Amino acid sequence: MHHAPTAGWSAVKVLQEDVIVVVLCVLIVPAKLRDDVHLTLIVRIRVVHWVREDEVAKALGSVSGSTGGEASPGVHGLGLVGTSIGGAELVAETPNSVVTEGTPEVEVSVQNQGESTENGVTIVVIANGKETTQEIAALEAGAEETAVVPLTPAPEGETTLEVEVEPVPGEQFTDNNEATYTVNFE
């Protein structure tokens, strides 16, 4: 005799702020007893395994395209849209001159050219061999954001400035992720 499930329920309970427990029960009751059965089910769950932050980041990264996990399905790609210092747009592979006082700041415009939100987008600026990084926490698909990278110590005279937007998981075309500028700091 085959008994089909006659009742089922599921519950989601939040234990503390960061642990979610899902319980799913299916009761199998013979057809002739279905009207006469009244059940009370008490479930006690003891959480003995705490969720590790790195495991959560990796799991969420696979959904959102984070650098902490594998790429989610779809197209992934970032693009270096432009670089400026003090409002003066720099042109790659040609001499640029900027007048600065104090600590110059490199403004790097980045666009998410993929289909998923990218998390932890890293921008690297190298001036006179010194590497400085800045991170954009999250960049929605199609969105553009500018990261501001201070140059300390302030470069003087002619300086080679290398700018790179680090590729994200799943990114296949990276030719538009970097540029090199020759900048004369006055």
N, C-alpha and C. Protein backbone atom coordinates (compact mmCIF):
# COMPACT_ATOMS: atom_id res chain seq x y z
N MET A 1 0.85 -1.18 0.00
CA MET A 1 0.00 0.00 0.00
C MET A 1 0.89 1.24 0.00
N HIS A 2 0.60 2.18 -0.85
CA HIS A 2 1.38 3.41 -0.96
C HIS A 2 0.68 4.52 -0.19
N HIS A 3 1.42 5.21 0.61
CA HIS A 3 0.87 6.32 1.39
C HIS A 3 1.43 7.63 0.86
N ALA A 4 0.58 8.48 0.41
CA ALA A 4 1.00 9.80 -0.10
C ALA A 4 1.07 10.78 1.07
N PRO A 5 1.95 11.75 1.01
CA PRO A 5 1.98 12.77 2.06
C PRO A 5 0.64 13.48 2.14
N THR A 6 0.16 13.65 3.36
CA THR A 6 -1.13 14.28 3.53
C THR A 6 -1.03 15.65 4.17
N ALA A 7 0.06 15.92 4.80
CA ALA A 7 0.20 17.23 5.42
C ALA A 7 1.68 17.58 5.42
N GLY A 8 1.96 18.84 5.36
CA GLY A 8 3.36 19.26 5.42
C GLY A 8 3.45 20.68 5.92
N TRP A 9 4.55 21.01 6.49
CA TRP A 9 4.77 22.38 6.91
C TRP A 9 6.26 22.64 6.96
N SER A 10 6.58 23.89 6.87
CA SER A 10 7.98 24.28 7.02
C SER A 10 8.01 25.55 7.84
N ALA A 11 9.11 25.75 8.49
CA ALA A 11 9.24 26.94 9.33
C ALA A 11 10.65 27.48 9.20
N VAL A 12 10.76 28.77 9.24
CA VAL A 12 12.06 29.42 9.27
C VAL A 12 12.12 30.21 10.56
N LYS A 13 13.15 29.97 11.33
CA LYS A 13 13.28 30.66 12.61
C LYS A 13 14.64 31.33 12.66
N VAL A 14 14.67 32.57 13.04
CA VAL A 14 15.93 33.29 13.17
C VAL A 14 16.40 33.10 14.60
N LEU A 15 17.56 32.50 14.73
CA LEU A 15 18.19 32.32 16.03
C LEU A 15 19.32 33.31 16.13
N GLN A 16 19.24 34.21 17.07
CA GLN A 16 20.15 35.33 17.19
C GLN A 16 19.99 36.18 15.94
N GLU A 17 21.00 36.92 15.53
CA GLU A 17 20.83 37.79 14.37
C GLU A 17 21.39 37.22 13.09
N ASP A 18 22.25 36.19 13.19
CA ASP A 18 22.93 35.76 11.98
C ASP A 18 22.79 34.28 11.68
N VAL A 19 21.92 33.56 12.38
CA VAL A 19 21.76 32.14 12.14
C VAL A 19 20.30 31.88 11.79
N ILE A 20 20.07 31.26 10.67
CA ILE A 20 18.71 30.92 10.27
C ILE A 20 18.61 29.40 10.18
N VAL A 21 17.57 28.83 10.78
CA VAL A 21 17.36 27.40 10.74
C VAL A 21 16.06 27.14 9.99
N VAL A 22 16.12 26.23 9.05
CA VAL A 22 14.93 25.88 8.28
C VAL A 22 14.56 24.44 8.64
N VAL A 23 13.29 24.22 9.00
CA VAL A 23 12.80 22.89 9.35
C VAL A 23 11.70 22.54 8.36
N LEU A 24 11.76 21.35 7.80
CA LEU A 24 10.75 20.90 6.87
C LEU A 24 10.27 19.53 7.34
N CYS A 25 8.97 19.38 7.52
CA CYS A 25 8.39 18.12 7.96
C CYS A 25 7.32 17.70 6.98
N VAL A 26 7.29 16.42 6.68
CA VAL A 26 6.22 15.85 5.88
C VAL A 26 5.68 14.66 6.66
N LEU A 27 4.38 14.63 6.90
CA LEU A 27 3.74 13.57 7.66
C LEU A 27 3.06 12.61 6.69
N ILE A 28 3.26 11.34 6.92
CA ILE A 28 2.61 10.34 6.09
C ILE A 28 1.58 9.62 6.96
N VAL A 29 0.33 9.73 6.60
CA VAL A 29 -0.77 9.15 7.36
C VAL A 29 -1.63 8.34 6.40
N PRO A 30 -1.95 7.09 6.76
CA PRO A 30 -2.82 6.30 5.88
C PRO A 30 -4.14 7.03 5.64
N ALA A 31 -4.68 6.87 4.44
CA ALA A 31 -5.90 7.58 4.04
C ALA A 31 -7.06 7.35 4.99
N LYS A 32 -7.24 6.13 5.48
CA LYS A 32 -8.40 5.85 6.34
C LYS A 32 -8.28 6.51 7.71
N LEU A 33 -7.10 6.93 8.12
CA LEU A 33 -6.92 7.56 9.42
C LEU A 33 -6.83 9.08 9.35
N ARG A 34 -6.82 9.65 8.16
CA ARG A 34 -6.57 11.08 7.99
C ARG A 34 -7.51 11.96 8.82
N ASP A 35 -8.75 11.66 8.88
CA ASP A 35 -9.69 12.51 9.62
C ASP A 35 -9.58 12.34 11.13
N ASP A 36 -9.04 11.22 11.59
CA ASP A 36 -9.01 10.91 13.02
C ASP A 36 -7.67 11.25 13.69
N VAL A 37 -6.68 11.66 12.92
CA VAL A 37 -5.35 11.89 13.49
C VAL A 37 -5.16 13.38 13.80
N HIS A 38 -4.78 13.63 15.04
CA HIS A 38 -4.42 14.98 15.46
C HIS A 38 -3.00 14.90 16.02
N LEU A 39 -2.09 15.61 15.41
CA LEU A 39 -0.70 15.52 15.82
C LEU A 39 -0.19 16.85 16.34
N THR A 40 0.61 16.75 17.34
CA THR A 40 1.33 17.91 17.81
C THR A 40 2.81 17.57 17.65
N LEU A 41 3.53 18.43 16.99
CA LEU A 41 4.93 18.18 16.73
C LEU A 41 5.75 19.28 17.41
N ILE A 42 6.65 18.84 18.24
CA ILE A 42 7.53 19.80 18.91
C ILE A 42 8.95 19.52 18.39
N VAL A 43 9.57 20.56 17.91
CA VAL A 43 10.92 20.43 17.37
C VAL A 43 11.85 21.28 18.21
N ARG A 44 12.91 20.67 18.66
CA ARG A 44 13.94 21.40 19.39
C ARG A 44 15.23 21.29 18.61
N ILE A 45 15.82 22.41 18.37
CA ILE A 45 17.07 22.43 17.62
C ILE A 45 18.14 23.10 18.46
N ARG A 46 19.26 22.45 18.52
CA ARG A 46 20.39 23.03 19.24
C ARG A 46 21.47 23.33 18.20
N VAL A 47 21.82 24.59 18.05
CA VAL A 47 22.83 24.99 17.08
C VAL A 47 24.20 24.81 17.73
N VAL A 48 24.99 23.93 17.14
CA VAL A 48 26.32 23.68 17.69
C VAL A 48 27.41 24.12 16.73
N HIS A 49 27.04 24.46 15.51
CA HIS A 49 28.02 24.92 14.54
C HIS A 49 27.75 26.37 14.20
N TRP A 50 28.67 27.24 14.54
CA TRP A 50 28.51 28.66 14.21
C TRP A 50 28.98 28.90 12.80
N VAL A 51 28.31 29.78 12.12
CA VAL A 51 28.65 30.10 10.74
C VAL A 51 29.89 30.99 10.75
N ARG A 52 30.88 30.59 9.95
CA ARG A 52 32.11 31.38 9.87
C ARG A 52 31.94 32.48 8.83
N GLU A 53 32.47 33.66 9.14
CA GLU A 53 32.32 34.82 8.27
C GLU A 53 32.86 34.57 6.87
N ASP A 54 34.01 33.89 6.76
CA ASP A 54 34.59 33.64 5.44
C ASP A 54 33.73 32.68 4.61
N GLU A 55 33.04 31.73 5.27
CA GLU A 55 32.14 30.83 4.55
C GLU A 55 30.94 31.59 4.00
N VAL A 56 30.40 32.50 4.81
CA VAL A 56 29.26 33.30 4.37
C VAL A 56 29.67 34.21 3.21
N ALA A 57 30.83 34.86 3.31
CA ALA A 57 31.31 35.75 2.26
C ALA A 57 31.50 34.99 0.96
N LYS A 58 32.06 33.79 1.03
CA LYS A 58 32.27 32.99 -0.17
C LYS A 58 30.93 32.58 -0.79
N ALA A 59 29.99 32.15 0.05
CA ALA A 59 28.67 31.75 -0.45
C ALA A 59 27.94 32.93 -1.09
N LEU A 60 27.96 34.08 -0.43
CA LEU A 60 27.28 35.25 -0.97
C LEU A 60 28.00 35.77 -2.20
N GLY A 61 29.32 35.66 -2.20
CA GLY A 61 30.10 36.11 -3.35
C GLY A 61 29.74 35.37 -4.62
N SER A 62 29.42 34.08 -4.49
CA SER A 62 29.07 33.33 -5.68
C SER A 62 27.74 33.78 -6.25
N VAL A 63 26.93 34.42 -5.45
CA VAL A 63 25.65 34.94 -5.92
C VAL A 63 25.83 36.33 -6.51
N SER A 64 26.68 37.14 -5.89
CA SER A 64 26.76 38.54 -6.27
C SER A 64 28.00 38.92 -7.07
N GLY A 65 28.87 37.97 -7.37
CA GLY A 65 30.03 38.31 -8.17
C GLY A 65 31.18 38.86 -7.36
N SER A 66 31.21 38.68 -6.08
CA SER A 66 32.25 39.18 -5.22
C SER A 66 33.58 38.54 -5.54
N THR A 67 34.67 39.21 -5.18
CA THR A 67 35.98 38.63 -5.34
C THR A 67 36.22 37.52 -4.34
N GLY A 68 35.34 37.38 -3.37
CA GLY A 68 35.52 36.34 -2.36
C GLY A 68 35.04 34.98 -2.81
N GLY A 69 34.39 34.83 -3.95
CA GLY A 69 33.86 33.54 -4.35
C GLY A 69 33.97 33.35 -5.83
N GLU A 70 33.28 32.33 -6.32
CA GLU A 70 33.25 32.05 -7.73
C GLU A 70 32.26 32.99 -8.40
N ALA A 71 32.43 33.16 -9.68
CA ALA A 71 31.56 34.08 -10.42
C ALA A 71 30.15 33.53 -10.54
N SER A 72 29.17 34.40 -10.41
CA SER A 72 27.79 34.02 -10.66
C SER A 72 27.62 33.92 -12.18
N PRO A 73 26.55 33.25 -12.64
CA PRO A 73 26.35 33.14 -14.09
C PRO A 73 26.18 34.51 -14.75
N GLY A 74 26.48 34.56 -16.03
CA GLY A 74 26.32 35.80 -16.78
C GLY A 74 27.64 36.48 -17.08
N VAL A 75 27.54 37.61 -17.74
CA VAL A 75 28.72 38.37 -18.15
C VAL A 75 29.23 39.20 -16.98
N HIS A 76 30.54 39.17 -16.77
CA HIS A 76 31.19 39.97 -15.74
C HIS A 76 32.26 40.82 -16.41
N GLY A 77 32.32 42.09 -16.03
CA GLY A 77 33.35 42.92 -16.61
C GLY A 77 33.33 44.32 -16.04
N LEU A 78 34.51 44.85 -15.83
CA LEU A 78 34.69 46.22 -15.37
C LEU A 78 35.44 46.98 -16.45
N GLY A 79 35.31 48.29 -16.42
CA GLY A 79 36.05 49.11 -17.36
C GLY A 79 36.56 50.37 -16.69
N LEU A 80 37.81 50.73 -16.97
CA LEU A 80 38.38 51.99 -16.51
C LEU A 80 37.86 53.05 -17.47
N VAL A 81 36.98 53.91 -16.98
CA VAL A 81 36.32 54.91 -17.82
C VAL A 81 37.18 56.16 -17.98
N GLY A 82 37.85 56.57 -16.91
CA GLY A 82 38.66 57.77 -16.98
C GLY A 82 39.45 57.98 -15.70
N THR A 83 40.50 58.79 -15.81
CA THR A 83 41.36 59.11 -14.67
C THR A 83 41.63 60.61 -14.70
N SER A 84 41.52 61.24 -13.54
CA SER A 84 41.81 62.67 -13.46
C SER A 84 42.52 62.98 -12.15
N ILE A 85 43.16 64.14 -12.14
CA ILE A 85 43.82 64.64 -10.92
C ILE A 85 43.40 66.10 -10.80
N GLY A 86 42.79 66.44 -9.68
CA GLY A 86 42.36 67.82 -9.46
C GLY A 86 41.41 68.32 -10.53
N GLY A 87 40.60 67.43 -11.09
CA GLY A 87 39.64 67.82 -12.13
C GLY A 87 40.22 67.82 -13.53
N ALA A 88 41.54 67.65 -13.67
CA ALA A 88 42.16 67.62 -15.00
C ALA A 88 42.18 66.17 -15.50
N GLU A 89 41.44 65.93 -16.59
CA GLU A 89 41.35 64.58 -17.17
C GLU A 89 42.71 64.20 -17.78
N LEU A 90 43.18 63.00 -17.44
CA LEU A 90 44.45 62.52 -17.98
C LEU A 90 44.21 61.75 -19.27
N VAL A 91 45.18 61.83 -20.19
CA VAL A 91 45.12 61.10 -21.45
C VAL A 91 46.27 60.11 -21.45
N ALA A 92 45.94 58.83 -21.67
CA ALA A 92 46.96 57.78 -21.65
C ALA A 92 47.95 57.95 -22.79
N GLU A 93 49.19 57.56 -22.52
CA GLU A 93 50.26 57.51 -23.51
C GLU A 93 50.63 58.87 -24.10
N THR A 94 50.23 59.98 -23.46
CA THR A 94 50.64 61.32 -23.89
C THR A 94 51.03 62.09 -22.64
N PRO A 95 51.89 63.11 -22.77
CA PRO A 95 52.29 63.89 -21.60
C PRO A 95 51.10 64.68 -21.04
N ASN A 96 50.95 64.66 -19.73
CA ASN A 96 49.91 65.42 -19.02
C ASN A 96 50.59 66.29 -17.98
N SER A 97 50.09 67.49 -17.76
CA SER A 97 50.61 68.36 -16.70
C SER A 97 49.49 68.71 -15.76
N VAL A 98 49.79 68.64 -14.45
CA VAL A 98 48.80 69.03 -13.44
C VAL A 98 49.48 69.90 -12.39
N VAL A 99 48.73 70.86 -11.89
CA VAL A 99 49.22 71.71 -10.81
C VAL A 99 48.50 71.26 -9.54
N THR A 100 49.28 70.89 -8.55
CA THR A 100 48.66 70.41 -7.30
C THR A 100 49.34 71.07 -6.11
N GLU A 101 48.58 71.16 -5.03
CA GLU A 101 49.12 71.61 -3.75
C GLU A 101 48.76 70.55 -2.74
N GLY A 102 49.67 70.27 -1.84
CA GLY A 102 49.39 69.25 -0.83
C GLY A 102 49.41 67.85 -1.43
N THR A 103 48.52 67.00 -0.97
CA THR A 103 48.46 65.62 -1.44
C THR A 103 47.55 65.51 -2.65
N PRO A 104 48.13 65.17 -3.82
CA PRO A 104 47.28 65.02 -5.00
C PRO A 104 46.40 63.78 -4.86
N GLU A 105 45.20 63.87 -5.42
CA GLU A 105 44.27 62.74 -5.40
C GLU A 105 43.94 62.33 -6.83
N VAL A 106 44.08 61.04 -7.08
CA VAL A 106 43.75 60.50 -8.39
C VAL A 106 42.30 60.02 -8.34
N GLU A 107 41.47 60.56 -9.24
CA GLU A 107 40.08 60.14 -9.32
C GLU A 107 39.97 59.13 -10.46
N VAL A 108 39.59 57.90 -10.10
CA VAL A 108 39.50 56.81 -11.08
C VAL A 108 38.03 56.44 -11.26
N SER A 109 37.51 56.65 -12.47
CA SER A 109 36.11 56.31 -12.77
C SER A 109 36.06 54.89 -13.32
N VAL A 110 35.19 54.08 -12.69
CA VAL A 110 35.07 52.66 -13.04
C VAL A 110 33.61 52.38 -13.39
N GLN A 111 33.39 51.60 -14.43
CA GLN A 111 32.03 51.19 -14.79
C GLN A 111 31.91 49.68 -14.73
N ASN A 112 30.79 49.21 -14.16
CA ASN A 112 30.47 47.79 -14.19
C ASN A 112 29.79 47.52 -15.53
N GLN A 113 30.48 46.84 -16.41
CA GLN A 113 29.97 46.58 -17.75
C GLN A 113 29.37 45.17 -17.87
N GLY A 114 29.17 44.54 -16.71
CA GLY A 114 28.61 43.19 -16.69
C GLY A 114 27.15 43.19 -16.32
N GLU A 115 26.65 41.99 -15.98
CA GLU A 115 25.24 41.78 -15.70
C GLU A 115 24.93 41.60 -14.21
N SER A 116 25.96 41.60 -13.36
CA SER A 116 25.76 41.35 -11.93
C SER A 116 26.42 42.44 -11.11
N THR A 117 25.91 42.66 -9.90
CA THR A 117 26.58 43.56 -8.97
C THR A 117 27.93 42.96 -8.63
N GLU A 118 28.96 43.78 -8.64
CA GLU A 118 30.30 43.32 -8.27
C GLU A 118 30.66 43.94 -6.93
N ASN A 119 31.17 43.12 -6.03
CA ASN A 119 31.54 43.57 -4.69
C ASN A 119 33.05 43.57 -4.53
N GLY A 120 33.55 44.50 -3.74
CA GLY A 120 34.98 44.56 -3.46
C GLY A 120 35.82 44.85 -4.69
N VAL A 121 35.40 45.84 -5.48
CA VAL A 121 36.14 46.23 -6.69
C VAL A 121 37.39 47.00 -6.26
N THR A 122 38.55 46.48 -6.64
CA THR A 122 39.82 47.07 -6.21
C THR A 122 40.46 47.88 -7.32
N ILE A 123 40.88 49.09 -6.96
CA ILE A 123 41.58 49.99 -7.88
C ILE A 123 43.00 50.13 -7.36
N VAL A 124 43.97 49.96 -8.24
CA VAL A 124 45.38 50.05 -7.88
C VAL A 124 46.00 51.21 -8.65
N VAL A 125 46.70 52.09 -7.93
CA VAL A 125 47.43 53.20 -8.57
C VAL A 125 48.89 53.07 -8.14
N ILE A 126 49.79 53.07 -9.13
CA ILE A 126 51.23 53.00 -8.84
C ILE A 126 51.88 54.27 -9.37
N ALA A 127 52.54 54.99 -8.46
CA ALA A 127 53.28 56.21 -8.82
C ALA A 127 54.68 56.10 -8.24
N ASN A 128 55.68 56.24 -9.08
CA ASN A 128 57.08 56.14 -8.64
C ASN A 128 57.34 54.83 -7.88
N GLY A 129 56.72 53.75 -8.35
CA GLY A 129 56.93 52.44 -7.73
C GLY A 129 56.14 52.18 -6.46
N LYS A 130 55.42 53.19 -5.95
CA LYS A 130 54.62 53.01 -4.73
C LYS A 130 53.18 52.70 -5.11
N GLU A 131 52.71 51.54 -4.62
CA GLU A 131 51.35 51.09 -4.92
C GLU A 131 50.37 51.53 -3.84
N THR A 132 49.26 52.09 -4.28
CA THR A 132 48.18 52.48 -3.36
C THR A 132 46.89 51.89 -3.90
N THR A 133 46.07 51.32 -3.02
CA THR A 133 44.81 50.73 -3.46
C THR A 133 43.62 51.42 -2.80
N GLN A 134 42.52 51.32 -3.47
CA GLN A 134 41.24 51.83 -2.96
C GLN A 134 40.18 50.81 -3.39
N GLU A 135 39.12 50.70 -2.61
CA GLU A 135 38.09 49.73 -2.94
C GLU A 135 36.72 50.38 -3.06
N ILE A 136 35.98 49.93 -4.04
CA ILE A 136 34.57 50.29 -4.17
C ILE A 136 33.81 49.11 -3.61
N ALA A 137 33.04 49.33 -2.55
CA ALA A 137 32.38 48.23 -1.84
C ALA A 137 31.46 47.43 -2.75
N ALA A 138 30.59 48.08 -3.49
CA ALA A 138 29.67 47.39 -4.39
C ALA A 138 29.38 48.29 -5.58
N LEU A 139 29.33 47.67 -6.76
CA LEU A 139 29.08 48.40 -7.99
C LEU A 139 28.01 47.64 -8.78
N GLU A 140 26.82 48.24 -8.86
CA GLU A 140 25.68 47.61 -9.54
C GLU A 140 25.96 47.46 -11.04
N ALA A 141 25.30 46.51 -11.67
CA ALA A 141 25.44 46.31 -13.11
C ALA A 141 25.09 47.61 -13.84
N GLY A 142 25.96 48.05 -14.74
CA GLY A 142 25.74 49.25 -15.52
C GLY A 142 26.12 50.55 -14.83
N ALA A 143 26.38 50.50 -13.54
CA ALA A 143 26.67 51.72 -12.78
C ALA A 143 28.13 52.14 -12.95
N GLU A 144 28.36 53.42 -12.68
CA GLU A 144 29.70 53.99 -12.72
C GLU A 144 29.97 54.67 -11.39
N GLU A 145 31.19 54.51 -10.88
CA GLU A 145 31.55 55.14 -9.62
C GLU A 145 33.01 55.58 -9.69
N THR A 146 33.33 56.61 -8.92
CA THR A 146 34.70 57.13 -8.90
C THR A 146 35.35 56.84 -7.56
N ALA A 147 36.53 56.24 -7.63
CA ALA A 147 37.33 56.00 -6.43
C ALA A 147 38.39 57.09 -6.36
N VAL A 148 38.63 57.61 -5.16
CA VAL A 148 39.62 58.67 -4.97
C VAL A 148 40.82 58.05 -4.25
N VAL A 149 41.99 58.14 -4.91
CA VAL A 149 43.21 57.52 -4.39
C VAL A 149 44.24 58.62 -4.11
N PRO A 150 44.55 58.87 -2.81
CA PRO A 150 45.56 59.89 -2.50
C PRO A 150 46.97 59.38 -2.80
N LEU A 151 47.81 60.27 -3.31
CA LEU A 151 49.21 59.91 -3.60
C LEU A 151 50.10 60.48 -2.51
N THR A 152 50.60 59.60 -1.66
CA THR A 152 51.52 60.03 -0.61
C THR A 152 52.77 59.15 -0.66
N PRO A 153 53.92 59.74 -0.66
CA PRO A 153 54.18 61.18 -0.72
C PRO A 153 53.80 61.72 -2.10
N ALA A 154 53.59 63.02 -2.14
CA ALA A 154 53.21 63.68 -3.39
C ALA A 154 54.34 63.58 -4.40
N PRO A 155 54.03 63.07 -5.60
CA PRO A 155 55.06 63.00 -6.64
C PRO A 155 55.49 64.40 -7.08
N GLU A 156 56.72 64.49 -7.56
CA GLU A 156 57.24 65.76 -8.09
C GLU A 156 57.80 65.51 -9.47
N GLY A 157 57.62 66.49 -10.36
CA GLY A 157 58.17 66.37 -11.71
C GLY A 157 57.45 65.30 -12.51
N GLU A 158 58.17 64.79 -13.54
CA GLU A 158 57.57 63.79 -14.43
C GLU A 158 57.47 62.44 -13.72
N THR A 159 56.27 61.90 -13.75
CA THR A 159 55.99 60.64 -13.04
C THR A 159 55.16 59.74 -13.94
N THR A 160 55.48 58.45 -13.92
CA THR A 160 54.65 57.47 -14.61
C THR A 160 53.60 57.00 -13.62
N LEU A 161 52.35 57.09 -14.05
CA LEU A 161 51.21 56.73 -13.21
C LEU A 161 50.51 55.54 -13.86
N GLU A 162 50.51 54.40 -13.17
CA GLU A 162 49.83 53.21 -13.67
C GLU A 162 48.54 53.03 -12.88
N VAL A 163 47.44 52.86 -13.60
CA VAL A 163 46.12 52.70 -12.96
C VAL A 163 45.52 51.39 -13.45
N GLU A 164 45.04 50.58 -12.51
CA GLU A 164 44.42 49.31 -12.88
C GLU A 164 43.17 49.07 -12.04
N VAL A 165 42.14 48.61 -12.70
CA VAL A 165 40.95 48.10 -12.03
C VAL A 165 41.11 46.58 -12.07
N GLU A 166 41.28 45.96 -10.89
CA GLU A 166 41.52 44.53 -10.87
C GLU A 166 40.32 43.76 -11.41
N PRO A 167 40.57 42.73 -12.22
CA PRO A 167 39.46 41.94 -12.77
C PRO A 167 38.67 41.24 -11.66
N VAL A 168 37.39 41.03 -11.92
CA VAL A 168 36.52 40.32 -10.99
C VAL A 168 36.38 38.87 -11.48
N PRO A 169 35.96 37.94 -10.60
CA PRO A 169 35.78 36.56 -11.03
C PRO A 169 34.84 36.49 -12.24
N GLY A 170 35.25 35.72 -13.24
CA GLY A 170 34.43 35.55 -14.43
C GLY A 170 34.69 36.59 -15.52
N GLU A 171 35.49 37.61 -15.23
CA GLU A 171 35.78 38.64 -16.24
C GLU A 171 36.75 38.06 -17.26
N GLN A 172 36.39 38.15 -18.53
CA GLN A 172 37.21 37.57 -19.58
C GLN A 172 37.94 38.62 -20.41
N PHE A 173 37.40 39.80 -20.54
CA PHE A 173 38.02 40.87 -21.32
C PHE A 173 38.56 41.92 -20.36
N THR A 174 39.89 42.03 -20.27
CA THR A 174 40.49 42.94 -19.28
C THR A 174 41.32 44.04 -19.93
N ASP A 175 41.31 44.13 -21.25
CA ASP A 175 42.11 45.15 -21.94
C ASP A 175 41.73 46.57 -21.54
N ASN A 176 40.47 46.77 -21.12
CA ASN A 176 40.01 48.11 -20.74
C ASN A 176 40.07 48.35 -19.23
N ASN A 177 40.85 47.55 -18.54
CA ASN A 177 40.96 47.67 -17.08
C ASN A 177 42.17 48.47 -16.62
N GLU A 178 43.01 48.88 -17.53
CA GLU A 178 44.23 49.58 -17.10
C GLU A 178 44.68 50.62 -18.10
N ALA A 179 45.45 51.56 -17.58
CA ALA A 179 46.04 52.61 -18.43
C ALA A 179 47.30 53.13 -17.75
N THR A 180 48.21 53.63 -18.56
CA THR A 180 49.45 54.23 -18.06
C THR A 180 49.50 55.68 -18.54
N TYR A 181 49.85 56.56 -17.60
CA TYR A 181 49.88 57.99 -17.89
C TYR A 181 51.26 58.55 -17.54
N THR A 182 51.70 59.50 -18.32
CA THR A 182 52.90 60.27 -17.98
C THR A 182 52.38 61.62 -17.47
N VAL A 183 52.70 61.92 -16.21
CA VAL A 183 52.15 63.13 -15.59
C VAL A 183 53.31 63.98 -15.06
N ASN A 184 53.28 65.27 -15.43
CA ASN A 184 54.24 66.21 -14.87
C ASN A 184 53.53 66.96 -13.74
N PHE A 185 53.96 66.69 -12.51
CA PHE A 185 53.36 67.36 -11.34
C PHE A 185 54.09 68.69 -11.14
N GLU A 186 53.36 69.81 -11.22
CA GLU A 186 53.96 71.15 -11.08
C GLU A 186 53.55 71.75 -9.75
